[in-house]
């Protein structure tokens, strides 16, 4: 038994914030941002939007592609660092919005950018075990609400959005392997200091990131991750057709493409127009590749991401 992708969906808020707009907020420039990150614009959620409301739109689009109804879903996983409430989770709120019958529904909210691959791993294991047949997995983030808009080192990087994937059981090869790991020694490189019930001053409740340190760790970790993942899948790098990478930094993604000997037309970059959407970035990019018709049946896709923890992960899909 394998798990495979039955449908994908995406949602991006209407408001677009360009680098020129950010120049009016903090001391930075379009040239500086593009040179260091590859980002030119990002989408910003409206005040009435939440992680679950954005997830609903992406999920409905995935259901439509898969020709399924909410009654077909038997598990919901929402990956978010910005849930509507401390509890219940955004997954339960999404379940109610969609009208999905009673089933397991839970959030992953401590992994930041690596969360979607962790969610893939969990969904894949439940399906392979025979416990579930159809899992809705959504990454939905409103990063604009946890960055300090006075801090030019972080506010230029992030955007909002949601991406969904429906995984179903299949006797034909789908996800060949998943690989997840974390190392708490790097906990201070990327974190959100907020604590439920704590007394941390409001101005401290913004995401903190050591960009240069994160870049160095990411390059080293992801290089080894590729080797371990390919070995586990029994594949050579020449057998990988697509790299769907977390959209954190264009330079990191380009570096990983070179390691796999992939041309950039098979390593899509959405960071230019979306920024870093954390757990939503992988499903957003994947949905675009699927809907454009670029990804062909039988091609092999490598997913990879690194995020808070530090945590990282990968997955290989025979599409």
C-alpha atoms as a PDB file:
ATOM      1  CA  UNK A   1       0.000   0.000   0.000  1.00  0.00           C
ATOM      2  CA  UNK A   2       1.240   3.468  -0.906  1.00  0.00           C
ATOM      3  CA  UNK A   3      -0.050   6.976  -0.356  1.00  0.00           C
ATOM      4  CA  UNK A   4      -0.329   9.205  -3.390  1.00  0.00           C
ATOM      5  CA  UNK A   5      -1.508  12.697  -4.272  1.00  0.00           C
ATOM      6  CA  UNK A   6      -5.164  12.881  -5.315  1.00  0.00           C
ATOM      7  CA  UNK A   7      -5.525  16.650  -5.528  1.00  0.00           C
ATOM      8  CA  UNK A   8      -3.914  19.991  -4.698  1.00  0.00           C
ATOM      9  CA  UNK A   9      -5.153  23.490  -3.996  1.00  0.00           C
ATOM     10  CA  UNK A  10      -3.816  26.916  -3.082  1.00  0.00           C
ATOM     11  CA  UNK A  11      -4.898  30.296  -1.783  1.00  0.00           C
ATOM     12  CA  UNK A  12      -3.096  33.645  -1.717  1.00  0.00           C
ATOM     13  CA  UNK A  13      -4.551  36.790  -0.123  1.00  0.00           C
ATOM     14  CA  UNK A  14      -5.559  39.606  -2.462  1.00  0.00           C
ATOM     15  CA  UNK A  15      -3.228  42.260  -1.045  1.00  0.00           C
ATOM     16  CA  UNK A  16       0.283  42.320  -2.545  1.00  0.00           C
ATOM     17  CA  UNK A  17       3.116  44.125  -0.750  1.00  0.00           C
ATOM     18  CA  UNK A  18       6.087  44.917  -2.986  1.00  0.00           C
ATOM     19  CA  UNK A  19       9.639  45.734  -1.991  1.00  0.00           C
ATOM     20  CA  UNK A  20       8.944  49.341  -3.016  1.00  0.00           C
ATOM     21  CA  UNK A  21       6.106  49.374  -0.484  1.00  0.00           C
ATOM     22  CA  UNK A  22       8.423  48.073   2.236  1.00  0.00           C
ATOM     23  CA  UNK A  23      10.947  50.804   1.438  1.00  0.00           C
ATOM     24  CA  UNK A  24       8.373  53.211   2.885  1.00  0.00           C
ATOM     25  CA  UNK A  25       8.164  51.228   6.144  1.00  0.00           C
ATOM     26  CA  UNK A  26      11.781  50.367   7.044  1.00  0.00           C
ATOM     27  CA  UNK A  27      15.271  51.387   5.949  1.00  0.00           C
ATOM     28  CA  UNK A  28      15.845  48.961   3.075  1.00  0.00           C
ATOM     29  CA  UNK A  29      15.723  48.868  -0.717  1.00  0.00           C
ATOM     30  CA  UNK A  30      14.304  46.723  -3.481  1.00  0.00           C
ATOM     31  CA  UNK A  31      17.835  46.040  -4.749  1.00  0.00           C
ATOM     32  CA  UNK A  32      19.070  44.904  -1.326  1.00  0.00           C
ATOM     33  CA  UNK A  33      16.138  42.525  -0.814  1.00  0.00           C
ATOM     34  CA  UNK A  34      16.305  40.984  -4.290  1.00  0.00           C
ATOM     35  CA  UNK A  35      20.079  40.497  -4.189  1.00  0.00           C
ATOM     36  CA  UNK A  36      20.047  38.677  -0.848  1.00  0.00           C
ATOM     37  CA  UNK A  37      16.781  36.751  -1.012  1.00  0.00           C
ATOM     38  CA  UNK A  38      15.316  36.789  -4.524  1.00  0.00           C
ATOM     39  CA  UNK A  39      12.034  38.239  -3.173  1.00  0.00           C
ATOM     40  CA  UNK A  40      10.199  41.010  -5.034  1.00  0.00           C
ATOM     41  CA  UNK A  41       6.728  40.855  -3.463  1.00  0.00           C
ATOM     42  CA  UNK A  42       4.572  38.917  -1.020  1.00  0.00           C
ATOM     43  CA  UNK A  43       0.853  38.511  -0.242  1.00  0.00           C
ATOM     44  CA  UNK A  44      -0.576  39.870   3.023  1.00  0.00           C
ATOM     45  CA  UNK A  45      -3.739  38.515   4.658  1.00  0.00           C
ATOM     46  CA  UNK A  46      -6.675  40.834   5.303  1.00  0.00           C
ATOM     47  CA  UNK A  47      -7.674  41.512   8.908  1.00  0.00           C
ATOM     48  CA  UNK A  48     -10.654  39.137   8.712  1.00  0.00           C
ATOM     49  CA  UNK A  49      -8.620  36.225   7.333  1.00  0.00           C
ATOM     50  CA  UNK A  50      -7.302  33.404   9.519  1.00  0.00           C
ATOM     51  CA  UNK A  51      -5.256  30.258   9.075  1.00  0.00           C
ATOM     52  CA  UNK A  52      -8.439  28.177   8.933  1.00  0.00           C
ATOM     53  CA  UNK A  53     -10.278  30.460   6.505  1.00  0.00           C
ATOM     54  CA  UNK A  54      -7.356  30.430   4.065  1.00  0.00           C
ATOM     55  CA  UNK A  55      -7.013  26.681   4.550  1.00  0.00           C
ATOM     56  CA  UNK A  56     -10.686  26.246   3.660  1.00  0.00           C
ATOM     57  CA  UNK A  57     -10.277  27.854   0.230  1.00  0.00           C
ATOM     58  CA  UNK A  58      -7.162  25.821  -0.571  1.00  0.00           C
ATOM     59  CA  UNK A  59      -8.841  22.620   0.660  1.00  0.00           C
ATOM     60  CA  UNK A  60     -11.969  23.137  -1.424  1.00  0.00           C
ATOM     61  CA  UNK A  61      -9.834  23.595  -4.527  1.00  0.00           C
ATOM     62  CA  UNK A  62      -7.968  20.370  -3.729  1.00  0.00           C
ATOM     63  CA  UNK A  63     -11.248  18.495  -3.230  1.00  0.00           C
ATOM     64  CA  UNK A  64     -12.490  19.785  -6.583  1.00  0.00           C
ATOM     65  CA  UNK A  65      -9.353  18.596  -8.377  1.00  0.00           C
ATOM     66  CA  UNK A  66      -9.588  15.180  -6.705  1.00  0.00           C
ATOM     67  CA  UNK A  67     -13.323  14.866  -7.520  1.00  0.00           C
ATOM     68  CA  UNK A  68     -13.992  14.206  -3.836  1.00  0.00           C
ATOM     69  CA  UNK A  69     -16.395  15.583  -1.245  1.00  0.00           C
ATOM     70  CA  UNK A  70     -15.785  16.439   2.427  1.00  0.00           C
ATOM     71  CA  UNK A  71     -17.450  13.115   3.320  1.00  0.00           C
ATOM     72  CA  UNK A  72     -14.486  11.292   1.735  1.00  0.00           C
ATOM     73  CA  UNK A  73     -11.943  12.819   4.145  1.00  0.00           C
ATOM     74  CA  UNK A  74     -11.060  10.648   7.151  1.00  0.00           C
ATOM     75  CA  UNK A  75      -8.218  12.723   8.650  1.00  0.00           C
ATOM     76  CA  UNK A  76      -7.267  16.417   8.650  1.00  0.00           C
ATOM     77  CA  UNK A  77      -3.797  17.779   9.411  1.00  0.00           C
ATOM     78  CA  UNK A  78      -3.163  21.539   9.407  1.00  0.00           C
ATOM     79  CA  UNK A  79       0.399  22.774   9.628  1.00  0.00           C
ATOM     80  CA  UNK A  80       0.628  26.352  10.910  1.00  0.00           C
ATOM     81  CA  UNK A  81       2.678  28.598  13.179  1.00  0.00           C
ATOM     82  CA  UNK A  82      -0.187  31.092  13.254  1.00  0.00           C
ATOM     83  CA  UNK A  83      -3.359  29.209  14.323  1.00  0.00           C
ATOM     84  CA  UNK A  84      -6.660  30.992  14.863  1.00  0.00           C
ATOM     85  CA  UNK A  85      -6.679  29.938  18.521  1.00  0.00           C
ATOM     86  CA  UNK A  86      -4.382  28.235  20.996  1.00  0.00           C
ATOM     87  CA  UNK A  87      -7.013  25.489  20.982  1.00  0.00           C
ATOM     88  CA  UNK A  88      -8.965  23.961  19.433  1.00  0.00           C
ATOM     89  CA  UNK A  89      -6.627  23.623  16.500  1.00  0.00           C
ATOM     90  CA  UNK A  90      -7.118  25.129  13.067  1.00  0.00           C
ATOM     91  CA  UNK A  91      -7.752  21.575  11.808  1.00  0.00           C
ATOM     92  CA  UNK A  92     -10.919  21.310  13.918  1.00  0.00           C
ATOM     93  CA  UNK A  93     -12.065  24.740  12.748  1.00  0.00           C
ATOM     94  CA  UNK A  94     -11.389  23.688   9.156  1.00  0.00           C
ATOM     95  CA  UNK A  95     -13.313  20.466   9.715  1.00  0.00           C
ATOM     96  CA  UNK A  96     -16.354  22.474  10.765  1.00  0.00           C
ATOM     97  CA  UNK A  97     -16.036  24.901   7.834  1.00  0.00           C
ATOM     98  CA  UNK A  98     -15.837  22.068   5.308  1.00  0.00           C
ATOM     99  CA  UNK A  99     -18.469  19.883   6.932  1.00  0.00           C
ATOM    100  CA  UNK A 100     -16.162  16.888   7.265  1.00  0.00           C
ATOM    101  CA  UNK A 101     -17.716  14.147   9.459  1.00  0.00           C
ATOM    102  CA  UNK A 102     -16.109  13.280  12.788  1.00  0.00           C
ATOM    103  CA  UNK A 103     -12.542  12.050  12.260  1.00  0.00           C
ATOM    104  CA  UNK A 104      -9.015  12.735  13.580  1.00  0.00           C
ATOM    105  CA  UNK A 105      -8.141  16.421  13.113  1.00  0.00           C
ATOM    106  CA  UNK A 106      -5.064  18.089  14.574  1.00  0.00           C
ATOM    107  CA  UNK A 107      -2.409  20.778  14.054  1.00  0.00           C
ATOM    108  CA  UNK A 108       1.355  20.689  13.735  1.00  0.00           C
ATOM    109  CA  UNK A 109       2.458  24.096  14.961  1.00  0.00           C
ATOM    110  CA  UNK A 110       6.009  23.893  16.285  1.00  0.00           C
ATOM    111  CA  UNK A 111       7.975  23.114  13.120  1.00  0.00           C
ATOM    112  CA  UNK A 112       7.560  26.315  11.113  1.00  0.00           C
ATOM    113  CA  UNK A 113       8.932  25.908   7.590  1.00  0.00           C
ATOM    114  CA  UNK A 114       9.634  22.178   7.975  1.00  0.00           C
ATOM    115  CA  UNK A 115       6.095  21.418   9.069  1.00  0.00           C
ATOM    116  CA  UNK A 116       4.560  20.416   5.756  1.00  0.00           C
ATOM    117  CA  UNK A 117       7.085  17.610   5.182  1.00  0.00           C
ATOM    118  CA  UNK A 118       6.444  16.373   8.715  1.00  0.00           C
ATOM    119  CA  UNK A 119       2.740  16.425   7.894  1.00  0.00           C
ATOM    120  CA  UNK A 120       3.394  14.455   4.711  1.00  0.00           C
ATOM    121  CA  UNK A 121       5.268  11.867   6.740  1.00  0.00           C
ATOM    122  CA  UNK A 122       2.444  11.469   9.256  1.00  0.00           C
ATOM    123  CA  UNK A 123      -0.238  11.237   6.563  1.00  0.00           C
ATOM    124  CA  UNK A 124       1.841   8.749   4.594  1.00  0.00           C
ATOM    125  CA  UNK A 125       2.302   6.499   7.629  1.00  0.00           C
ATOM    126  CA  UNK A 126      -1.383   6.486   8.552  1.00  0.00           C
ATOM    127  CA  UNK A 127      -2.335   5.548   4.995  1.00  0.00           C
ATOM    128  CA  UNK A 128       0.354   2.877   4.636  1.00  0.00           C
ATOM    129  CA  UNK A 129      -0.749   1.323   7.933  1.00  0.00           C
ATOM    130  CA  UNK A 130      -4.289   0.991   6.604  1.00  0.00           C
ATOM    131  CA  UNK A 131      -5.766   3.207   9.346  1.00  0.00           C
ATOM    132  CA  UNK A 132      -6.834   5.915   6.907  1.00  0.00           C
ATOM    133  CA  UNK A 133      -7.705   6.121   3.225  1.00  0.00           C
ATOM    134  CA  UNK A 134      -7.967   9.847   2.497  1.00  0.00           C
ATOM    135  CA  UNK A 135      -6.040  12.548   4.392  1.00  0.00           C
ATOM    136  CA  UNK A 136      -6.390  16.306   3.906  1.00  0.00           C
ATOM    137  CA  UNK A 137      -3.081  18.050   4.611  1.00  0.00           C
ATOM    138  CA  UNK A 138      -2.917  21.859   4.616  1.00  0.00           C
ATOM    139  CA  UNK A 139      -0.143  24.349   5.271  1.00  0.00           C
ATOM    140  CA  UNK A 140      -1.630  27.752   6.152  1.00  0.00           C
ATOM    141  CA  UNK A 141       0.358  30.698   7.472  1.00  0.00           C
ATOM    142  CA  UNK A 142      -0.188  34.372   8.300  1.00  0.00           C
ATOM    143  CA  UNK A 143       3.457  35.229   8.883  1.00  0.00           C
ATOM    144  CA  UNK A 144       2.786  38.964   8.554  1.00  0.00           C
ATOM    145  CA  UNK A 145       1.303  38.882  12.078  1.00  0.00           C
ATOM    146  CA  UNK A 146       4.369  37.467  13.837  1.00  0.00           C
ATOM    147  CA  UNK A 147       7.140  39.520  12.212  1.00  0.00           C
ATOM    148  CA  UNK A 148       8.362  42.845  13.572  1.00  0.00           C
ATOM    149  CA  UNK A 149       7.647  45.416  10.868  1.00  0.00           C
ATOM    150  CA  UNK A 150      10.414  47.574  12.329  1.00  0.00           C
ATOM    151  CA  UNK A 151      12.991  44.806  11.811  1.00  0.00           C
ATOM    152  CA  UNK A 152      14.227  44.923   8.231  1.00  0.00           C
ATOM    153  CA  UNK A 153      16.101  41.627   8.605  1.00  0.00           C
ATOM    154  CA  UNK A 154      12.863  39.651   8.947  1.00  0.00           C
ATOM    155  CA  UNK A 155       9.877  41.693   7.758  1.00  0.00           C
ATOM    156  CA  UNK A 156      11.095  41.680   4.141  1.00  0.00           C
ATOM    157  CA  UNK A 157      11.197  37.882   4.010  1.00  0.00           C
ATOM    158  CA  UNK A 158       7.747  36.573   4.800  1.00  0.00           C
ATOM    159  CA  UNK A 159       4.329  36.376   3.197  1.00  0.00           C
ATOM    160  CA  UNK A 160       0.939  34.774   3.798  1.00  0.00           C
ATOM    161  CA  UNK A 161      -0.900  31.965   2.024  1.00  0.00           C
ATOM    162  CA  UNK A 162      -2.229  28.422   2.165  1.00  0.00           C
ATOM    163  CA  UNK A 163      -1.629  25.243   0.189  1.00  0.00           C
ATOM    164  CA  UNK A 164      -3.480  21.927   0.390  1.00  0.00           C
ATOM    165  CA  UNK A 165      -2.794  18.359  -0.651  1.00  0.00           C
ATOM    166  CA  UNK A 166      -5.104  15.357  -0.465  1.00  0.00           C
ATOM    167  CA  UNK A 167      -3.359  12.025  -0.003  1.00  0.00           C
ATOM    168  CA  UNK A 168      -5.105   8.770  -0.735  1.00  0.00           C
ATOM    169  CA  UNK A 169      -4.351   5.066  -0.626  1.00  0.00           C
ATOM    170  CA  UNK A 170      -3.014   3.439  -3.789  1.00  0.00           C
ATOM    171  CA  UNK A 171      -1.604   0.082  -4.832  1.00  0.00           C
ATOM    172  CA  UNK A 172       0.630   1.884  -7.334  1.00  0.00           C
ATOM    173  CA  UNK A 173       3.853   3.592  -6.162  1.00  0.00           C
ATOM    174  CA  UNK A 174       3.307   7.087  -4.784  1.00  0.00           C
ATOM    175  CA  UNK A 175       5.404   8.356  -1.887  1.00  0.00           C
ATOM    176  CA  UNK A 176       8.475   6.129  -1.909  1.00  0.00           C
ATOM    177  CA  UNK A 177      10.074   7.434   1.269  1.00  0.00           C
ATOM    178  CA  UNK A 178       9.958  10.258   3.799  1.00  0.00           C
ATOM    179  CA  UNK A 179      12.792  11.397   6.031  1.00  0.00           C
ATOM    180  CA  UNK A 180      12.447  13.732   9.045  1.00  0.00           C
ATOM    181  CA  UNK A 181      14.877  14.876  11.727  1.00  0.00           C
ATOM    182  CA  UNK A 182      15.479  17.651  14.257  1.00  0.00           C
ATOM    183  CA  UNK A 183      18.328  18.988  16.374  1.00  0.00           C
ATOM    184  CA  UNK A 184      17.426  21.142  19.371  1.00  0.00           C
ATOM    185  CA  UNK A 185      20.952  22.496  19.666  1.00  0.00           C
ATOM    186  CA  UNK A 186      19.929  25.015  17.001  1.00  0.00           C
ATOM    187  CA  UNK A 187      16.827  26.172  18.880  1.00  0.00           C
ATOM    188  CA  UNK A 188      17.970  29.806  19.080  1.00  0.00           C
ATOM    189  CA  UNK A 189      18.620  30.247  15.349  1.00  0.00           C
ATOM    190  CA  UNK A 190      14.911  30.502  14.511  1.00  0.00           C
ATOM    191  CA  UNK A 191      12.136  30.839  17.088  1.00  0.00           C
ATOM    192  CA  UNK A 192       8.982  32.645  18.208  1.00  0.00           C
ATOM    193  CA  UNK A 193       9.294  33.593  21.903  1.00  0.00           C
ATOM    194  CA  UNK A 194       5.560  33.791  22.655  1.00  0.00           C
ATOM    195  CA  UNK A 195       4.358  31.494  25.401  1.00  0.00           C
ATOM    196  CA  UNK A 196       0.702  30.802  26.141  1.00  0.00           C
ATOM    197  CA  UNK A 197       0.057  32.060  29.650  1.00  0.00           C
ATOM    198  CA  UNK A 198       3.457  33.732  29.831  1.00  0.00           C
ATOM    199  CA  UNK A 199       4.268  37.342  30.681  1.00  0.00           C
ATOM    200  CA  UNK A 200       6.663  38.174  27.858  1.00  0.00           C
ATOM    201  CA  UNK A 201       6.338  41.807  26.801  1.00  0.00           C
ATOM    202  CA  UNK A 202       4.272  42.272  23.656  1.00  0.00           C
ATOM    203  CA  UNK A 203       7.146  43.842  21.729  1.00  0.00           C
ATOM    204  CA  UNK A 204       9.153  40.650  22.264  1.00  0.00           C
ATOM    205  CA  UNK A 205       6.487  38.430  20.712  1.00  0.00           C
ATOM    206  CA  UNK A 206       7.952  38.509  17.235  1.00  0.00           C
ATOM    207  CA  UNK A 207       9.824  35.862  15.345  1.00  0.00           C
ATOM    208  CA  UNK A 208      13.573  35.884  15.936  1.00  0.00           C
ATOM    209  CA  UNK A 209      16.045  34.649  13.324  1.00  0.00           C
ATOM    210  CA  UNK A 210      19.809  34.505  12.893  1.00  0.00           C
ATOM    211  CA  UNK A 211      19.850  34.582   9.109  1.00  0.00           C
ATOM    212  CA  UNK A 212      23.533  33.896   8.436  1.00  0.00           C
ATOM    213  CA  UNK A 213      23.694  31.010  10.893  1.00  0.00           C
ATOM    214  CA  UNK A 214      20.507  29.498   9.480  1.00  0.00           C
ATOM    215  CA  UNK A 215      21.875  29.728   5.937  1.00  0.00           C
ATOM    216  CA  UNK A 216      25.065  27.846   6.870  1.00  0.00           C
ATOM    217  CA  UNK A 217      23.241  25.090   8.752  1.00  0.00           C
ATOM    218  CA  UNK A 218      20.668  24.704   5.984  1.00  0.00           C
ATOM    219  CA  UNK A 219      23.247  24.193   3.248  1.00  0.00           C
ATOM    220  CA  UNK A 220      25.081  21.532   5.260  1.00  0.00           C
ATOM    221  CA  UNK A 221      21.990  19.743   6.541  1.00  0.00           C
ATOM    222  CA  UNK A 222      20.140  19.664   3.233  1.00  0.00           C
ATOM    223  CA  UNK A 223      23.143  18.319   1.359  1.00  0.00           C
ATOM    224  CA  UNK A 224      23.315  15.267   3.647  1.00  0.00           C
ATOM    225  CA  UNK A 225      19.517  15.008   3.646  1.00  0.00           C
ATOM    226  CA  UNK A 226      19.514  14.568  -0.128  1.00  0.00           C
ATOM    227  CA  UNK A 227      22.051  11.749   0.065  1.00  0.00           C
ATOM    228  CA  UNK A 228      20.141   9.938   2.829  1.00  0.00           C
ATOM    229  CA  UNK A 229      16.796  10.353   1.078  1.00  0.00           C
ATOM    230  CA  UNK A 230      17.985   9.061  -2.281  1.00  0.00           C
ATOM    231  CA  UNK A 231      19.623   6.078  -0.593  1.00  0.00           C
ATOM    232  CA  UNK A 232      16.410   5.256   1.282  1.00  0.00           C
ATOM    233  CA  UNK A 233      14.401   5.469  -1.942  1.00  0.00           C
ATOM    234  CA  UNK A 234      16.938   3.409  -3.872  1.00  0.00           C
ATOM    235  CA  UNK A 235      17.341   6.184  -6.428  1.00  0.00           C
ATOM    236  CA  UNK A 236      20.199   7.974  -8.131  1.00  0.00           C
ATOM    237  CA  UNK A 237      20.066  11.738  -8.424  1.00  0.00           C
ATOM    238  CA  UNK A 238      19.666  11.375 -12.193  1.00  0.00           C
ATOM    239  CA  UNK A 239      16.277   9.762 -11.495  1.00  0.00           C
ATOM    240  CA  UNK A 240      14.892  12.887  -9.786  1.00  0.00           C
ATOM    241  CA  UNK A 241      12.901  15.004 -12.234  1.00  0.00           C
ATOM    242  CA  UNK A 242      11.730  17.796  -9.917  1.00  0.00           C
ATOM    243  CA  UNK A 243      12.886  19.496  -6.736  1.00  0.00           C
ATOM    244  CA  UNK A 244      10.069  21.148  -4.772  1.00  0.00           C
ATOM    245  CA  UNK A 245      11.936  23.093  -2.122  1.00  0.00           C
ATOM    246  CA  UNK A 246      10.748  25.206   0.766  1.00  0.00           C
ATOM    247  CA  UNK A 247      10.915  28.771  -0.505  1.00  0.00           C
ATOM    248  CA  UNK A 248      13.200  30.413   2.047  1.00  0.00           C
ATOM    249  CA  UNK A 249      16.073  31.753  -0.030  1.00  0.00           C
ATOM    250  CA  UNK A 250      16.755  31.626  -3.757  1.00  0.00           C
ATOM    251  CA  UNK A 251      20.483  31.062  -3.204  1.00  0.00           C
ATOM    252  CA  UNK A 252      19.889  27.962  -1.051  1.00  0.00           C
ATOM    253  CA  UNK A 253      17.480  26.505  -3.614  1.00  0.00           C
ATOM    254  CA  UNK A 254      19.896  27.151  -6.482  1.00  0.00           C
ATOM    255  CA  UNK A 255      22.660  25.464  -4.493  1.00  0.00           C
ATOM    256  CA  UNK A 256      20.478  22.383  -3.954  1.00  0.00           C
ATOM    257  CA  UNK A 257      19.549  22.270  -7.650  1.00  0.00           C
ATOM    258  CA  UNK A 258      23.231  22.138  -8.563  1.00  0.00           C
ATOM    259  CA  UNK A 259      23.778  19.251  -6.172  1.00  0.00           C
ATOM    260  CA  UNK A 260      21.068  17.286  -7.998  1.00  0.00           C
ATOM    261  CA  UNK A 261      22.263  18.416 -11.452  1.00  0.00           C
ATOM    262  CA  UNK A 262      18.802  19.848 -12.118  1.00  0.00           C
ATOM    263  CA  UNK A 263      18.169  22.842 -14.337  1.00  0.00           C
ATOM    264  CA  UNK A 264      16.094  25.604 -12.785  1.00  0.00           C
ATOM    265  CA  UNK A 265      13.152  24.895 -15.081  1.00  0.00           C
ATOM    266  CA  UNK A 266      12.637  21.780 -12.938  1.00  0.00           C
ATOM    267  CA  UNK A 267      13.221  23.622  -9.659  1.00  0.00           C
ATOM    268  CA  UNK A 268      10.331  26.106  -9.435  1.00  0.00           C
ATOM    269  CA  UNK A 269      10.847  29.358  -7.550  1.00  0.00           C
ATOM    270  CA  UNK A 270       7.822  31.122  -6.124  1.00  0.00           C
ATOM    271  CA  UNK A 271       9.769  33.093  -3.533  1.00  0.00           C
ATOM    272  CA  UNK A 272      10.065  36.028  -5.938  1.00  0.00           C
ATOM    273  CA  UNK A 273       6.311  36.687  -5.815  1.00  0.00           C
ATOM    274  CA  UNK A 274       5.258  34.946  -2.564  1.00  0.00           C
ATOM    275  CA  UNK A 275       8.176  35.476  -0.185  1.00  0.00           C
ATOM    276  CA  UNK A 276       8.700  32.832   2.488  1.00  0.00           C
ATOM    277  CA  UNK A 277       5.254  31.447   3.374  1.00  0.00           C
ATOM    278  CA  UNK A 278       6.677  28.947   5.883  1.00  0.00           C
ATOM    279  CA  UNK A 279       4.641  25.699   5.977  1.00  0.00           C
ATOM    280  CA  UNK A 280       2.512  26.858   3.040  1.00  0.00           C
ATOM    281  CA  UNK A 281       5.394  27.251   0.591  1.00  0.00           C
ATOM    282  CA  UNK A 282       5.785  23.629  -0.563  1.00  0.00           C
ATOM    283  CA  UNK A 283       2.079  22.990  -1.286  1.00  0.00           C
ATOM    284  CA  UNK A 284       1.799  26.400  -2.973  1.00  0.00           C
ATOM    285  CA  UNK A 285       4.668  25.606  -5.342  1.00  0.00           C
ATOM    286  CA  UNK A 286       3.507  22.049  -5.945  1.00  0.00           C
ATOM    287  CA  UNK A 287      -0.031  23.154  -6.779  1.00  0.00           C
ATOM    288  CA  UNK A 288       1.348  25.580  -9.357  1.00  0.00           C
ATOM    289  CA  UNK A 289       3.461  22.884 -11.015  1.00  0.00           C
ATOM    290  CA  UNK A 290       0.560  20.415 -11.065  1.00  0.00           C
ATOM    291  CA  UNK A 291      -2.038  22.855 -12.409  1.00  0.00           C
ATOM    292  CA  UNK A 292       0.301  24.203 -15.089  1.00  0.00           C
ATOM    293  CA  UNK A 293       0.683  20.693 -16.513  1.00  0.00           C
ATOM    294  CA  UNK A 294       4.471  20.811 -16.182  1.00  0.00           C
ATOM    295  CA  UNK A 295       4.596  17.768 -13.895  1.00  0.00           C
ATOM    296  CA  UNK A 296       3.957  14.575 -15.864  1.00  0.00           C
ATOM    297  CA  UNK A 297       2.703  11.209 -14.666  1.00  0.00           C
ATOM    298  CA  UNK A 298       5.550   8.890 -13.772  1.00  0.00           C
ATOM    299  CA  UNK A 299       8.002  11.683 -12.926  1.00  0.00           C
ATOM    300  CA  UNK A 300       9.781  11.653  -9.563  1.00  0.00           C
ATOM    301  CA  UNK A 301       9.608  14.615  -7.189  1.00  0.00           C
ATOM    302  CA  UNK A 302      11.888  15.368  -4.242  1.00  0.00           C
ATOM    303  CA  UNK A 303      10.439  17.623  -1.526  1.00  0.00           C
ATOM    304  CA  UNK A 304      12.702  19.243   1.079  1.00  0.00           C
ATOM    305  CA  UNK A 305      12.423  21.806   3.874  1.00  0.00           C
ATOM    306  CA  UNK A 306      14.138  23.085   7.004  1.00  0.00           C
ATOM    307  CA  UNK A 307      12.545  25.121   9.780  1.00  0.00           C
ATOM    308  CA  UNK A 308      12.190  25.773  13.488  1.00  0.00           C
ATOM    309  CA  UNK A 309      13.733  23.264  15.854  1.00  0.00           C
ATOM    310  CA  UNK A 310      15.836  23.219  13.866  1.00  0.00           C
ATOM    311  CA  UNK A 311      13.809  20.546  12.092  1.00  0.00           C
ATOM    312  CA  UNK A 312      14.145  19.325   8.542  1.00  0.00           C
ATOM    313  CA  UNK A 313      12.665  16.736   6.252  1.00  0.00           C
ATOM    314  CA  UNK A 314      12.249  15.335   2.774  1.00  0.00           C
ATOM    315  CA  UNK A 315       9.929  13.103   0.783  1.00  0.00           C
ATOM    316  CA  UNK A 316      10.107  11.392  -2.588  1.00  0.00           C
ATOM    317  CA  UNK A 317       6.984  11.050  -4.727  1.00  0.00           C
ATOM    318  CA  UNK A 318       6.474   8.972  -7.855  1.00  0.00           C
ATOM    319  CA  UNK A 319       3.750  11.107  -9.375  1.00  0.00           C
END
